[in-house]
Amino acid sequence: MHLEPQLANKPLDLSSFPDKLTIVSDSGITKLPLQLYTANTPVARMTGFRWQKRIPPQGTGIWLKDSKSSYSLWMKDVPFDLDAIGFDEDMNVVDLKRLTALSTVPVAFSSDVKSVVEVPAGWCLRNGIRKGFRAIPGDTQ
């Protein structure tokens, strides 16, 4: 029997974004810094942006990592659209998804996705994010 972690039915405290990740284009010229809240526990990964009252600022997001299984996300209780960037174990962008607010339909990622970064909807398009880009932990600016 599989037991789900207990959710507190309250939002994560996203008042600070202690982790940094820089997404680098395949040419290495474009560098896009992100400030992230790292969700590295089952409860934090399941909570994500649920119950948040407002869209996070541009350039910020949640990094879902350290999962031992494949990623499938849904947007129940998330009142705004998100972009989701799927990374393989070497932090290469291998999958991109648009997540629709309040949807209960799961969105599955390819099996090679080992971590996901969720950012405000439109961020990937505005910044030209595509497969083949990579991410470097830390601030490389």
Protein backbone atom coordinates (compact mmCIF):
# COMPACT_ATOMS: atom_id res chain seq x y z
CA MET A 1 0.00 0.00 0.00
CA HIS A 2 1.30 3.47 -0.96
CA LEU A 3 0.75 6.21 1.61
CA GLU A 4 0.84 9.85 0.55
CA PRO A 5 2.72 12.30 2.80
CA GLN A 6 0.39 14.46 4.84
CA LEU A 7 -0.06 17.94 3.42
CA ALA A 8 -0.68 20.79 5.81
CA ASN A 9 -3.16 22.49 3.42
CA LYS A 10 -1.14 25.67 3.62
CA PRO A 11 1.35 27.23 1.21
CA LEU A 12 5.10 26.82 1.47
CA ASP A 13 6.89 29.86 2.87
CA LEU A 14 8.42 31.27 -0.28
CA SER A 15 9.53 34.54 1.30
CA SER A 16 13.13 33.73 0.47
CA PHE A 17 14.66 31.88 -2.45
CA PRO A 18 18.00 30.62 -1.09
CA ASP A 19 19.15 28.55 -4.07
CA LYS A 20 20.39 29.80 -7.41
CA LEU A 21 20.48 28.13 -10.79
CA THR A 22 21.71 29.60 -14.05
CA ILE A 23 20.27 28.33 -17.33
CA VAL A 24 22.82 28.53 -20.14
CA SER A 25 22.02 28.39 -23.86
CA ASP A 26 23.48 25.66 -26.03
CA SER A 27 25.92 28.26 -27.43
CA GLY A 28 26.95 29.29 -23.92
CA ILE A 29 26.25 32.95 -24.67
CA THR A 30 22.87 33.43 -22.98
CA LYS A 31 22.86 33.06 -19.19
CA LEU A 32 19.58 33.32 -17.30
CA PRO A 33 19.77 33.39 -13.49
CA LEU A 34 16.96 31.98 -11.37
CA GLN A 35 16.42 32.26 -7.64
CA LEU A 36 14.75 29.11 -6.38
CA TYR A 37 13.09 27.54 -3.42
CA THR A 38 14.31 23.93 -3.38
CA ALA A 39 11.57 21.42 -2.67
CA ASN A 40 13.59 18.36 -1.69
CA THR A 41 11.16 16.58 0.63
CA PRO A 42 8.06 14.65 -0.45
CA VAL A 43 5.71 17.14 1.23
CA ALA A 44 7.47 20.19 -0.27
CA ARG A 45 7.43 18.59 -3.75
CA MET A 46 3.72 17.79 -3.46
CA THR A 47 2.89 21.26 -2.14
CA GLY A 48 4.87 23.32 -4.65
CA PHE A 49 2.91 26.45 -5.54
CA ARG A 50 -0.37 25.12 -4.09
CA TRP A 51 -2.36 27.67 -2.09
CA GLN A 52 -0.09 30.59 -3.09
CA LYS A 53 -2.04 33.85 -3.37
CA ARG A 54 -0.01 35.50 -6.13
CA ILE A 55 2.22 34.67 -9.05
CA PRO A 56 5.89 34.52 -8.02
CA PRO A 57 8.16 37.28 -9.32
CA GLN A 58 9.87 36.73 -12.68
CA GLY A 59 13.23 35.05 -12.25
CA THR A 60 12.05 32.97 -9.29
CA GLY A 61 10.60 29.50 -9.00
CA ILE A 62 10.56 26.15 -7.26
CA TRP A 63 13.14 23.44 -7.92
CA LEU A 64 11.62 19.98 -7.48
CA LYS A 65 14.48 17.57 -7.00
CA ASP A 66 15.69 14.43 -5.30
CA SER A 67 12.72 12.41 -6.42
CA LYS A 68 13.33 8.71 -6.95
CA SER A 69 10.46 8.32 -9.41
CA SER A 70 9.38 9.88 -12.69
CA TYR A 71 7.71 13.28 -12.62
CA SER A 72 4.01 13.85 -13.12
CA LEU A 73 2.59 17.19 -11.98
CA TRP A 74 -0.87 18.61 -11.59
CA MET A 75 -2.09 22.07 -10.70
CA LYS A 76 -4.88 21.46 -8.21
CA ASP A 77 -5.02 24.48 -5.87
CA VAL A 78 -2.49 26.48 -7.96
CA PRO A 79 -4.34 29.63 -9.13
CA PHE A 80 -1.94 30.62 -11.96
CA ASP A 81 -0.30 28.95 -14.97
CA LEU A 82 3.30 27.80 -14.78
CA ASP A 83 6.08 26.70 -17.11
CA ALA A 84 7.90 23.54 -16.07
CA ILE A 85 11.45 22.80 -17.21
CA GLY A 86 12.55 19.16 -17.03
CA PHE A 87 16.25 18.38 -16.54
CA ASP A 88 18.12 15.11 -16.94
CA GLU A 89 20.76 13.91 -14.45
CA ASP A 90 23.38 16.16 -16.11
CA MET A 91 21.07 19.20 -15.81
CA ASN A 92 20.37 19.43 -19.55
CA VAL A 93 16.91 20.70 -20.52
CA VAL A 94 15.13 17.64 -21.95
CA ASP A 95 11.45 18.53 -21.55
CA LEU A 96 9.28 21.68 -21.33
CA LYS A 97 5.63 21.78 -20.24
CA ARG A 98 2.95 24.40 -19.73
CA LEU A 99 0.92 23.74 -16.57
CA THR A 100 -2.64 25.10 -16.49
CA ALA A 101 -4.03 26.73 -13.34
CA LEU A 102 -6.36 24.60 -11.21
CA SER A 103 -6.12 21.60 -13.55
CA THR A 104 -6.47 18.15 -12.03
CA VAL A 105 -5.15 16.46 -15.18
CA PRO A 106 -1.62 15.11 -14.53
CA VAL A 107 1.14 16.27 -16.87
CA ALA A 108 3.81 13.60 -17.29
CA PHE A 109 7.44 14.19 -18.18
CA SER A 110 9.74 11.96 -20.20
CA SER A 111 11.44 9.23 -18.19
CA ASP A 112 14.85 10.90 -18.38
CA VAL A 113 13.66 13.91 -16.32
CA LYS A 114 15.37 13.82 -12.91
CA SER A 115 14.41 17.29 -11.62
CA VAL A 116 11.93 20.01 -12.56
CA VAL A 117 11.94 23.79 -12.15
CA GLU A 118 8.56 25.54 -12.08
CA VAL A 119 8.52 29.24 -13.07
CA PRO A 120 5.76 31.75 -13.92
CA ALA A 121 4.02 30.97 -17.23
CA GLY A 122 5.63 32.62 -20.25
CA TRP A 123 9.12 32.79 -18.73
CA CYS A 124 10.47 30.04 -21.00
CA LEU A 125 9.04 31.59 -24.18
CA ARG A 126 10.22 35.12 -23.29
CA ASN A 127 13.72 33.82 -22.60
CA GLY A 128 13.92 31.37 -25.51
CA ILE A 129 14.39 28.31 -23.29
CA ARG A 130 14.52 25.11 -25.32
CA LYS A 131 15.81 21.57 -25.21
CA GLY A 132 19.58 21.47 -25.28
CA PHE A 133 20.06 24.32 -22.82
CA ARG A 134 21.64 23.31 -19.52
CA ALA A 135 21.57 24.49 -15.93
CA ILE A 136 24.45 25.22 -13.61
CA PRO A 137 23.81 25.35 -9.86
CA GLY A 138 24.84 28.66 -8.33
CA ASP A 139 25.15 32.18 -9.72
CA THR A 140 27.45 32.39 -12.75
CA GLN A 141 26.81 36.03 -13.62
